[in-house]
Amino acid sequence: MITVNIPHSSIYIPKNITFSIPDDSVKYEALLMADLFTDELIEDSHQIETIKANVSRIVVDTERFVDDNQEVASQFGMGVIYTKTHDGKQLKKVPTNTEKEELLHKFYYPHHLKLEQHVQQNLEHYHKALIIDLHSYPTAIDILGIGEKNTPDICIGFEEPHCDPKLLTIITNFCKDNGLSYELNNPFSGAIVPLSFYKKNTNVVSFMLEIKKSLYMNEYTFQKNSNFNNLKLKLNKLLDCLYNNFYGDNK
């Protein structure tokens, strides 16, 4: 099955986390930063296993490197543990090493273990594995400098040697056939691969799909818009197509 990684859809905030801003502002920040409804967009597919982070990214971001020195987003206060809001205000104090490790052991490592285990299961069964790293991104606010970049309907991210040209063509044709603008590795780049396979096993293929939020929701009210079900139907067809083309000979 396709492994779908969804790291940013949750808005859950544990009660024991201390923030530097009022509770209402924390909830609002979690909504602004969440890839809302991305889990629902693909829930009808029968060809996937969803690995979904169970905490808001403003608490622990499972898509980041643990080491801030390796993480570009840490310069914005948005490393694996966020200390800044989307607009650069103080979100919370820099955690101690003990506090950081406690959060990582509770939320980060279990997520990555599930991801790695599912990829390993596919490698054992099919001798290859496909990951779809599913996100959405805002245009109503500027995060990580995207305000200065192009904002296509779909950003397709990937990294050598974990790119399958055939599947990339399927994804770009999907965009063309549905009148969706797209760019490769812009405004975001790359796609998650568990570190045990990263640049070590080329049978692990991974694509990031970043969907412009305004395609399926209202960024100001945080509600689905009238195109939600239409996009959901199309995305599920895309996943079916990717599954059949990638795993078809091994089913």
Protein backbone atom coordinates (compact mmCIF):
# COMPACT_ATOMS: atom_id res chain seq x y z
CA MET A 1 0.00 0.00 0.00
CA ILE A 2 1.01 3.63 -0.38
CA THR A 3 2.37 5.14 2.83
CA VAL A 4 0.78 8.58 3.27
CA ASN A 5 2.62 10.77 5.76
CA ILE A 6 0.45 13.54 7.23
CA PRO A 7 2.52 15.48 9.77
CA HIS A 8 0.58 18.73 10.12
CA SER A 9 -3.18 18.15 10.19
CA SER A 10 -3.60 17.95 13.97
CA ILE A 11 -4.55 20.91 16.17
CA TYR A 12 -4.20 18.99 19.46
CA ILE A 13 -2.37 20.92 22.19
CA PRO A 14 -1.44 19.02 25.38
CA LYS A 15 -2.52 20.84 28.53
CA ASN A 16 0.93 20.69 30.15
CA ILE A 17 2.67 22.80 27.46
CA THR A 18 3.48 26.35 28.57
CA PHE A 19 3.25 29.11 25.97
CA SER A 20 4.20 32.79 26.00
CA ILE A 21 0.92 33.89 24.41
CA PRO A 22 -2.70 33.61 25.63
CA ASP A 23 -4.63 30.35 25.18
CA ASP A 24 -6.90 31.81 22.50
CA SER A 25 -3.85 32.92 20.54
CA VAL A 26 -2.32 29.46 20.88
CA LYS A 27 -5.46 27.84 19.45
CA TYR A 28 -5.53 30.36 16.61
CA GLU A 29 -1.86 29.74 15.82
CA ALA A 30 -2.47 25.99 15.76
CA LEU A 31 -5.32 26.49 13.27
CA LEU A 32 -3.27 28.85 11.10
CA MET A 33 -0.32 26.49 10.95
CA ALA A 34 -2.24 23.23 10.54
CA ASP A 35 -2.65 21.51 7.19
CA LEU A 36 -6.34 21.29 7.97
CA PHE A 37 -8.43 18.52 6.42
CA THR A 38 -5.55 16.95 4.51
CA ASP A 39 -6.34 13.66 6.25
CA GLU A 40 -9.96 13.89 5.11
CA LEU A 41 -8.98 14.67 1.53
CA ILE A 42 -7.58 11.17 1.05
CA GLU A 43 -9.65 9.15 3.52
CA ASP A 44 -11.69 7.38 0.82
CA SER A 45 -8.70 5.68 -0.77
CA HIS A 46 -8.41 1.95 -0.12
CA GLN A 47 -4.80 1.78 -1.30
CA ILE A 48 -3.14 3.72 1.50
CA GLU A 49 -1.90 3.49 5.06
CA THR A 50 -2.00 6.88 6.74
CA ILE A 51 0.72 7.81 9.24
CA LYS A 52 -0.68 10.91 10.94
CA ALA A 53 0.99 13.00 13.63
CA ASN A 54 -1.26 13.21 16.69
CA VAL A 55 -0.15 16.61 17.97
CA SER A 56 -0.07 20.14 16.57
CA ARG A 57 3.11 21.09 14.78
CA ILE A 58 3.47 24.10 17.09
CA VAL A 59 4.20 21.58 19.86
CA VAL A 60 6.35 19.10 17.91
CA ASP A 61 6.90 19.18 14.17
CA THR A 62 7.49 15.61 13.02
CA GLU A 63 8.62 16.82 9.59
CA ARG A 64 11.70 18.59 10.95
CA PHE A 65 15.20 17.33 11.67
CA VAL A 66 15.81 16.81 15.39
CA ASP A 67 19.10 18.70 15.15
CA ASP A 68 18.41 22.41 14.65
CA ASN A 69 21.79 22.75 12.94
CA GLN A 70 20.44 20.58 10.12
CA GLU A 71 17.04 22.27 9.99
CA VAL A 72 16.64 25.38 7.82
CA ALA A 73 13.29 26.27 9.42
CA SER A 74 14.96 26.58 12.83
CA GLN A 75 16.23 30.02 11.79
CA PHE A 76 12.57 31.11 11.84
CA GLY A 77 12.04 29.62 15.31
CA MET A 78 10.26 26.68 13.65
CA GLY A 79 12.59 23.79 14.17
CA VAL A 80 11.36 20.51 15.60
CA ILE A 81 10.14 22.48 18.66
CA TYR A 82 8.62 25.84 17.70
CA THR A 83 9.57 28.92 19.71
CA LYS A 84 8.12 31.55 17.34
CA THR A 85 4.70 32.17 15.81
CA HIS A 86 4.10 32.42 12.06
CA ASP A 87 4.76 36.18 12.25
CA GLY A 88 7.90 35.94 14.39
CA LYS A 89 6.45 36.59 17.85
CA GLN A 90 7.59 34.63 20.89
CA LEU A 91 5.54 31.43 21.12
CA LYS A 92 7.35 29.77 24.01
CA LYS A 93 10.75 29.60 25.62
CA VAL A 94 13.51 27.51 24.13
CA PRO A 95 13.09 24.12 25.81
CA THR A 96 15.82 22.57 27.89
CA ASN A 97 17.42 19.41 26.51
CA THR A 98 15.35 17.37 28.96
CA GLU A 99 12.09 19.06 27.93
CA LYS A 100 12.94 18.61 24.27
CA GLU A 101 13.72 14.91 24.67
CA GLU A 102 10.48 14.32 26.58
CA LEU A 103 8.47 15.83 23.72
CA LEU A 104 10.43 13.93 21.10
CA HIS A 105 9.96 10.61 22.87
CA LYS A 106 6.24 11.22 23.28
CA PHE A 107 5.38 12.51 19.80
CA TYR A 108 8.29 12.54 17.34
CA TYR A 109 9.98 9.16 17.60
CA PRO A 110 6.74 7.11 17.67
CA HIS A 111 5.57 8.84 14.47
CA HIS A 112 8.82 8.10 12.68
CA LEU A 113 8.88 4.53 13.95
CA LYS A 114 5.43 3.91 12.43
CA LEU A 115 6.55 5.49 9.18
CA GLU A 116 9.70 3.40 9.02
CA GLN A 117 7.87 0.20 9.92
CA HIS A 118 5.28 0.64 7.19
CA VAL A 119 7.92 1.39 4.59
CA GLN A 120 9.84 -1.71 5.71
CA GLN A 121 6.69 -3.83 5.40
CA ASN A 122 6.21 -2.67 1.83
CA LEU A 123 9.85 -3.37 1.01
CA GLU A 124 9.47 -6.89 2.35
CA HIS A 125 6.21 -7.51 0.50
CA TYR A 126 6.75 -5.63 -2.78
CA HIS A 127 10.53 -5.06 -2.71
CA LYS A 128 9.78 -1.35 -3.07
CA ALA A 129 7.84 1.34 -1.24
CA LEU A 130 6.00 4.53 -2.17
CA ILE A 131 5.54 7.45 0.22
CA ILE A 132 3.23 10.40 -0.38
CA ASP A 133 4.16 13.26 1.95
CA LEU A 134 0.90 15.21 2.11
CA HIS A 135 0.69 18.88 3.06
CA SER A 136 -1.19 22.08 2.35
CA TYR A 137 0.13 25.61 2.46
CA PRO A 138 -1.36 29.07 3.02
CA THR A 139 -1.35 32.19 0.92
CA ALA A 140 -3.24 34.32 3.45
CA ILE A 141 -0.16 34.39 5.70
CA ASP A 142 3.55 34.26 4.95
CA ILE A 143 5.51 31.44 6.56
CA LEU A 144 9.10 30.46 5.89
CA GLY A 145 9.42 33.13 3.21
CA ILE A 146 6.83 31.74 0.79
CA GLY A 147 5.41 35.23 0.26
CA GLU A 148 8.35 35.94 -2.01
CA LYS A 149 7.90 32.78 -4.09
CA ASN A 150 5.39 31.54 -6.67
CA THR A 151 2.34 29.83 -5.22
CA PRO A 152 1.09 27.09 -7.56
CA ASP A 153 -2.04 25.06 -6.89
CA ILE A 154 0.17 22.02 -6.31
CA CYS A 155 3.82 21.95 -5.31
CA ILE A 156 5.41 18.61 -6.16
CA GLY A 157 8.46 17.92 -4.03
CA PHE A 158 11.01 15.15 -4.43
CA GLU A 159 14.70 14.45 -4.04
CA GLU A 160 17.12 12.21 -5.86
CA PRO A 161 17.54 9.29 -5.70
CA HIS A 162 14.00 8.75 -4.38
CA CYS A 163 12.16 10.04 -7.46
CA ASP A 164 10.38 7.76 -9.93
CA PRO A 165 10.12 9.59 -13.30
CA LYS A 166 7.07 7.56 -14.35
CA LEU A 167 5.15 8.52 -11.22
CA LEU A 168 6.27 12.12 -11.53
CA THR A 169 4.75 12.22 -15.02
CA ILE A 170 1.50 10.78 -13.65
CA ILE A 171 1.34 13.50 -11.02
CA THR A 172 2.12 16.34 -13.45
CA ASN A 173 -0.41 14.98 -15.96
CA PHE A 174 -2.99 14.85 -13.16
CA CYS A 175 -2.41 18.56 -12.58
CA LYS A 176 -2.62 19.39 -16.29
CA ASP A 177 -5.76 17.31 -16.85
CA ASN A 178 -7.51 19.01 -13.93
CA GLY A 179 -6.46 22.56 -14.73
CA LEU A 180 -4.19 22.83 -11.71
CA SER A 181 -1.03 24.88 -11.84
CA TYR A 182 2.03 23.12 -10.48
CA GLU A 183 5.72 23.59 -9.88
CA LEU A 184 8.49 21.18 -8.99
CA ASN A 185 10.20 21.77 -5.64
CA ASN A 186 8.75 25.26 -5.34
CA PRO A 187 7.83 26.94 -3.03
CA PHE A 188 8.87 23.92 -0.95
CA SER A 189 11.24 21.10 -1.85
CA GLY A 190 12.02 17.51 -1.04
CA ALA A 191 9.89 14.72 0.42
CA ILE A 192 10.24 12.70 3.59
CA VAL A 193 12.20 9.45 3.57
CA PRO A 194 13.00 7.61 6.82
CA LEU A 195 16.67 8.14 7.66
CA SER A 196 17.40 4.40 7.58
CA PHE A 197 16.54 4.44 3.85
CA TYR A 198 17.49 8.00 2.91
CA LYS A 199 19.94 7.93 0.00
CA LYS A 200 20.61 4.30 0.90
CA ASN A 201 17.71 2.45 -0.74
CA THR A 202 16.53 3.71 -4.12
CA ASN A 203 13.56 1.33 -3.98
CA VAL A 204 11.97 3.80 -1.56
CA VAL A 205 10.21 6.47 -3.63
CA SER A 206 8.77 9.60 -2.07
CA PHE A 207 6.82 12.58 -3.36
CA MET A 208 5.59 15.57 -1.41
CA LEU A 209 2.27 17.07 -2.46
CA GLU A 210 1.72 20.59 -1.14
CA ILE A 211 -1.82 21.75 -1.93
CA LYS A 212 -2.70 25.43 -1.88
CA LYS A 213 -5.22 25.77 0.94
CA SER A 214 -7.56 28.08 -0.96
CA LEU A 215 -8.28 25.19 -3.36
CA TYR A 216 -10.33 23.39 -0.76
CA MET A 217 -10.93 25.65 2.26
CA ASN A 218 -11.46 29.20 3.44
CA GLU A 219 -8.21 30.30 5.08
CA TYR A 220 -9.97 32.91 7.24
CA THR A 221 -12.88 30.87 8.62
CA PHE A 222 -11.03 27.51 8.64
CA GLN A 223 -13.98 25.86 6.92
CA LYS A 224 -14.08 23.62 3.85
CA ASN A 225 -15.18 25.36 0.67
CA SER A 226 -17.45 24.18 -2.15
CA ASN A 227 -14.54 22.57 -4.03
CA PHE A 228 -13.54 20.26 -1.18
CA ASN A 229 -15.44 17.16 -2.29
CA ASN A 230 -14.42 17.65 -5.92
CA LEU A 231 -10.74 17.83 -5.01
CA LYS A 232 -11.12 14.88 -2.64
CA LEU A 233 -12.53 12.73 -5.42
CA LYS A 234 -9.71 13.68 -7.78
CA LEU A 235 -6.97 13.06 -5.22
CA ASN A 236 -8.31 9.62 -4.42
CA LYS A 237 -8.28 8.77 -8.13
CA LEU A 238 -4.68 9.98 -8.30
CA LEU A 239 -3.69 7.74 -5.39
CA ASP A 240 -5.36 4.76 -7.06
CA CYS A 241 -3.48 5.51 -10.26
CA LEU A 242 -0.15 5.81 -8.44
CA TYR A 243 -0.79 2.57 -6.60
CA ASN A 244 -1.66 0.64 -9.76
CA ASN A 245 1.35 1.95 -11.66
CA PHE A 246 3.83 1.46 -8.84
CA TYR A 247 2.67 -1.77 -7.25
CA GLY A 248 0.62 -3.17 -10.11
CA ASP A 249 3.08 -5.86 -11.16
CA ASN A 250 3.53 -7.03 -7.58
CA LYS A 251 -0.04 -7.21 -6.28
